[in-house]
Amino acid sequence: MSTHAPLKGISSMATRQLLAELCAEFTRHRGIEVSIESVGGVDAAKRVQAGEVFDLVFLAADALGKLIASGHLLPGSVVDLVHSGVAVAVPAGAARPDLSSQAAVKQAILQAPSVSYSTGPSGVALLKMFEAWGILPAVQDRLLQAPAGVPVGALVAQGKAALGFQQLSELIHVQGITIVGPLPDEIQINTTFSGGIGAHSTQAQAAQALLTFLSSADADDAKLRQGMTPV
């Protein structure tokens, strides 16, 4: 029986399935319970900034950098875990757009009656890309941002969006959609997700043991299975 209280963590939705799988494995081997709440990344960062105490925080690397700077994570505790790319989905049975090049993706967006994207870092990067292409004014009225914590894929499955852009890891478990494929390499949006130890954690040693496991080769298969690439 573990003498540890459960490790308490918070993560963005992108790593929810991966962390559930790997933390269960960690608990089996180490006997340390782990409880991770997955919410929209923006909300997760706000809660940590507001002083809510977590043993572990899993977010995009730049978000964790800000939490280190503001004293909410232990300096030197952040470990990069995965790279996560963006994929494109359409409703199941819909025609699959050409994604073979930047020009093809741009054309697919211009032709789509509705386009959904996330509140996360990939969504921010996507809008910047539309802006750089000069198509933002033309598509602005057809853009649908998924509410925090709601998968883009769910809006696509419901027919609210004809085209959905989100991390592959967040699309692969959604029913009712077809994943057309990743963005082409020339415009792929990669996000690095990392983990860090909360500044007020009373179980920093156990938290460190979990981070060590999550960044080890033993976790690589799960990362690939969940649509991500090990760092």
Protein backbone atom coordinates (compact mmCIF):
# COMPACT_ATOMS: atom_id res chain seq x y z
CA MET A 1 0.00 0.00 0.00
CA SER A 2 1.37 3.41 -0.97
CA THR A 3 2.13 5.89 1.79
CA HIS A 4 1.79 8.70 -0.75
CA ALA A 5 -1.29 10.84 -1.16
CA PRO A 6 -2.29 10.78 -4.84
CA LEU A 7 -0.22 13.07 -7.02
CA LYS A 8 -2.50 15.88 -8.21
CA GLY A 9 -1.96 17.25 -11.69
CA ILE A 10 -3.58 19.41 -14.34
CA SER A 11 -3.15 19.22 -18.11
CA SER A 12 -4.51 20.58 -21.34
CA MET A 13 -6.81 18.35 -23.39
CA ALA A 14 -4.14 17.46 -25.95
CA THR A 15 -2.31 15.11 -23.59
CA ARG A 16 -5.38 13.78 -21.73
CA GLN A 17 -5.46 10.26 -23.23
CA LEU A 18 -1.68 9.88 -23.17
CA LEU A 19 -1.39 10.86 -19.51
CA ALA A 20 -4.31 8.63 -18.52
CA GLU A 21 -2.59 5.64 -20.11
CA LEU A 22 0.91 6.34 -18.80
CA CYS A 23 -0.12 7.38 -15.29
CA ALA A 24 -2.10 4.14 -14.91
CA GLU A 25 1.05 2.24 -15.88
CA PHE A 26 3.15 4.29 -13.43
CA THR A 27 0.66 3.52 -10.63
CA ARG A 28 0.79 -0.20 -11.43
CA HIS A 29 4.58 -0.25 -11.20
CA ARG A 30 5.22 2.26 -8.42
CA GLY A 31 2.06 2.08 -6.35
CA ILE A 32 1.70 5.88 -6.43
CA GLU A 33 -1.79 7.07 -7.38
CA VAL A 34 -2.02 9.93 -9.87
CA SER A 35 -5.05 12.15 -10.43
CA ILE A 36 -4.83 14.47 -13.42
CA GLU A 37 -7.59 16.87 -14.41
CA SER A 38 -7.63 17.75 -18.11
CA VAL A 39 -9.19 21.08 -19.13
CA GLY A 40 -8.61 23.71 -21.80
CA GLY A 41 -4.96 24.76 -21.70
CA VAL A 42 -5.77 28.46 -21.22
CA ASP A 43 -7.98 27.60 -18.23
CA ALA A 44 -5.33 25.27 -16.79
CA ALA A 45 -2.66 27.99 -16.91
CA LYS A 46 -5.06 30.52 -15.31
CA ARG A 47 -5.78 28.17 -12.42
CA VAL A 48 -2.08 27.61 -11.75
CA GLN A 49 -1.42 31.37 -11.99
CA ALA A 50 -4.27 31.96 -9.54
CA GLY A 51 -2.43 29.88 -6.95
CA GLU A 52 -4.24 26.54 -7.11
CA VAL A 53 -1.78 23.91 -5.86
CA PHE A 54 -0.81 21.04 -8.16
CA ASP A 55 2.03 18.55 -7.87
CA LEU A 56 2.38 18.46 -11.66
CA VAL A 57 1.39 20.70 -14.56
CA PHE A 58 1.34 19.49 -18.19
CA LEU A 59 1.00 22.20 -20.85
CA ALA A 60 2.59 23.53 -24.01
CA ALA A 61 6.25 24.36 -23.37
CA ASP A 62 5.82 28.13 -23.76
CA ALA A 63 2.93 28.15 -21.25
CA LEU A 64 5.10 26.30 -18.72
CA GLY A 65 7.89 28.80 -19.37
CA LYS A 66 5.56 31.60 -18.23
CA LEU A 67 4.60 29.64 -15.11
CA ILE A 68 8.28 29.14 -14.23
CA ALA A 69 8.90 32.86 -14.71
CA SER A 70 6.00 33.74 -12.41
CA GLY A 71 7.23 31.37 -9.69
CA HIS A 72 4.44 28.80 -9.98
CA LEU A 73 6.68 25.87 -10.98
CA LEU A 74 9.92 24.61 -9.48
CA PRO A 75 12.87 26.03 -11.47
CA GLY A 76 14.65 23.32 -13.44
CA SER A 77 11.74 20.87 -13.13
CA VAL A 78 10.29 21.20 -16.64
CA VAL A 79 10.78 18.21 -18.94
CA ASP A 80 9.76 18.18 -22.62
CA LEU A 81 7.67 15.08 -23.32
CA VAL A 82 6.17 15.07 -26.83
CA HIS A 83 5.89 16.93 -30.11
CA SER A 84 2.33 17.12 -31.36
CA GLY A 85 1.29 18.02 -34.91
CA VAL A 86 -1.97 19.28 -36.39
CA ALA A 87 -4.27 17.12 -38.50
CA VAL A 88 -7.37 17.94 -40.53
CA ALA A 89 -10.75 16.24 -40.16
CA VAL A 90 -14.05 16.24 -42.05
CA PRO A 91 -17.41 14.69 -41.12
CA ALA A 92 -17.49 10.92 -41.71
CA GLY A 93 -18.51 10.24 -45.31
CA ALA A 94 -17.69 13.76 -46.55
CA ALA A 95 -15.35 14.34 -49.50
CA ARG A 96 -11.69 14.41 -48.46
CA PRO A 97 -9.94 17.65 -49.44
CA ASP A 98 -6.47 17.70 -50.97
CA LEU A 99 -3.85 18.45 -48.29
CA SER A 100 -0.77 17.74 -50.38
CA SER A 101 0.60 21.29 -50.36
CA GLN A 102 0.23 24.71 -48.79
CA ALA A 103 -1.73 25.88 -51.84
CA ALA A 104 -4.08 22.89 -51.62
CA VAL A 105 -4.79 23.46 -47.91
CA LYS A 106 -5.42 27.16 -48.56
CA GLN A 107 -7.89 26.24 -51.31
CA ALA A 108 -9.67 23.73 -49.06
CA ILE A 109 -10.11 26.41 -46.40
CA LEU A 110 -11.44 28.96 -48.89
CA GLN A 111 -13.96 26.43 -50.21
CA ALA A 112 -15.16 25.10 -46.85
CA PRO A 113 -18.51 26.46 -45.62
CA SER A 114 -17.24 26.33 -42.03
CA VAL A 115 -13.84 25.81 -40.41
CA SER A 116 -13.21 24.95 -36.76
CA TYR A 117 -10.03 25.41 -34.73
CA SER A 118 -9.03 25.19 -31.06
CA THR A 119 -8.30 27.68 -28.28
CA GLY A 120 -4.89 26.05 -27.83
CA PRO A 121 -1.49 27.04 -29.26
CA SER A 122 -2.20 25.28 -32.56
CA GLY A 123 -5.37 27.34 -33.02
CA VAL A 124 -3.48 30.58 -32.39
CA ALA A 125 -0.82 29.53 -34.92
CA LEU A 126 -3.50 28.59 -37.46
CA LEU A 127 -5.09 32.04 -37.34
CA LYS A 128 -1.66 33.65 -37.78
CA MET A 129 -1.16 31.47 -40.84
CA PHE A 130 -4.51 32.52 -42.33
CA GLU A 131 -3.50 36.13 -41.68
CA ALA A 132 -0.12 35.64 -43.36
CA TRP A 133 -1.86 34.12 -46.37
CA GLY A 134 -4.18 37.13 -46.56
CA ILE A 135 -7.35 35.01 -46.35
CA LEU A 136 -8.48 35.86 -42.80
CA PRO A 137 -10.99 38.55 -43.87
CA ALA A 138 -12.48 36.19 -46.47
CA VAL A 139 -13.00 33.31 -44.02
CA GLN A 140 -13.57 35.21 -40.75
CA ASP A 141 -17.36 34.74 -40.80
CA ARG A 142 -16.97 30.99 -41.37
CA LEU A 143 -14.54 30.35 -38.53
CA LEU A 144 -15.76 28.50 -35.45
CA GLN A 145 -13.51 28.34 -32.40
CA ALA A 146 -14.24 25.29 -30.27
CA PRO A 147 -14.97 26.31 -26.65
CA ALA A 148 -12.19 25.48 -24.19
CA GLY A 149 -12.24 21.77 -23.38
CA VAL A 150 -14.48 20.88 -26.36
CA PRO A 151 -12.73 18.87 -29.10
CA VAL A 152 -12.80 20.38 -32.57
CA GLY A 153 -13.66 16.87 -33.77
CA ALA A 154 -16.94 16.95 -31.84
CA LEU A 155 -18.06 20.04 -33.80
CA VAL A 156 -17.05 18.32 -37.05
CA ALA A 157 -18.94 15.15 -36.09
CA GLN A 158 -22.05 17.19 -35.29
CA GLY A 159 -21.90 18.86 -38.71
CA LYS A 160 -21.26 22.30 -37.21
CA ALA A 161 -17.91 22.48 -39.01
CA ALA A 162 -17.08 21.12 -42.47
CA LEU A 163 -13.33 21.24 -41.81
CA GLY A 164 -11.59 20.89 -38.45
CA PHE A 165 -7.97 21.59 -37.47
CA GLN A 166 -6.58 20.22 -34.21
CA GLN A 167 -3.77 18.18 -32.72
CA LEU A 168 -3.91 14.65 -34.11
CA SER A 169 -3.93 13.32 -30.53
CA GLU A 170 -7.25 15.07 -29.93
CA LEU A 171 -8.87 13.87 -33.15
CA ILE A 172 -8.03 10.16 -33.13
CA HIS A 173 -10.56 9.23 -30.42
CA VAL A 174 -13.53 11.15 -31.87
CA GLN A 175 -16.31 9.14 -33.52
CA GLY A 176 -18.15 10.43 -36.59
CA ILE A 177 -15.22 12.08 -38.36
CA THR A 178 -12.66 11.16 -40.98
CA ILE A 179 -9.09 12.28 -40.34
CA VAL A 180 -7.89 13.33 -43.78
CA GLY A 181 -4.28 13.58 -42.70
CA PRO A 182 -1.67 15.87 -41.18
CA LEU A 183 -0.88 19.32 -42.49
CA PRO A 184 1.92 19.13 -45.07
CA ASP A 185 5.44 19.51 -43.66
CA GLU A 186 5.90 23.01 -45.10
CA ILE A 187 3.10 24.40 -42.90
CA GLN A 188 2.87 21.81 -40.11
CA ILE A 189 2.24 23.36 -36.69
CA ASN A 190 4.17 21.45 -34.05
CA THR A 191 3.58 22.03 -30.35
CA THR A 192 5.92 20.68 -27.69
CA PHE A 193 4.11 19.55 -24.56
CA SER A 194 6.05 19.43 -21.31
CA GLY A 195 5.57 18.63 -17.65
CA GLY A 196 6.73 20.53 -14.58
CA ILE A 197 6.48 20.29 -10.80
CA GLY A 198 4.30 22.75 -8.91
CA ALA A 199 6.21 25.21 -6.73
CA HIS A 200 4.13 24.25 -3.68
CA SER A 201 4.06 20.50 -4.20
CA THR A 202 4.70 18.54 -1.01
CA GLN A 203 5.53 15.44 -3.08
CA ALA A 204 8.23 16.75 -5.38
CA GLN A 205 10.19 13.48 -5.23
CA ALA A 206 7.24 11.36 -6.36
CA ALA A 207 6.36 13.98 -8.99
CA GLN A 208 9.92 13.80 -10.28
CA ALA A 209 9.70 10.00 -10.48
CA LEU A 210 6.60 10.33 -12.67
CA LEU A 211 8.27 12.91 -14.96
CA THR A 212 11.30 10.62 -15.28
CA PHE A 213 9.02 7.76 -16.35
CA LEU A 214 7.03 9.95 -18.77
CA SER A 215 10.21 11.10 -20.50
CA SER A 216 11.78 7.62 -20.67
CA ALA A 217 11.89 5.26 -23.64
CA ASP A 218 9.31 3.09 -21.82
CA ALA A 219 6.70 5.75 -22.66
CA ASP A 220 7.55 6.03 -26.38
CA ASP A 221 5.09 3.41 -27.69
CA ALA A 222 2.17 5.06 -25.92
CA LYS A 223 3.15 8.47 -27.30
CA LEU A 224 3.21 7.16 -30.87
CA ARG A 225 -0.07 5.33 -30.34
CA GLN A 226 -1.68 8.55 -29.17
CA GLY A 227 -0.63 10.44 -32.31
CA MET A 228 2.43 12.19 -30.87
CA THR A 229 6.19 11.98 -31.31
CA PRO A 230 8.55 11.41 -28.36
CA VAL A 231 10.94 14.31 -27.75
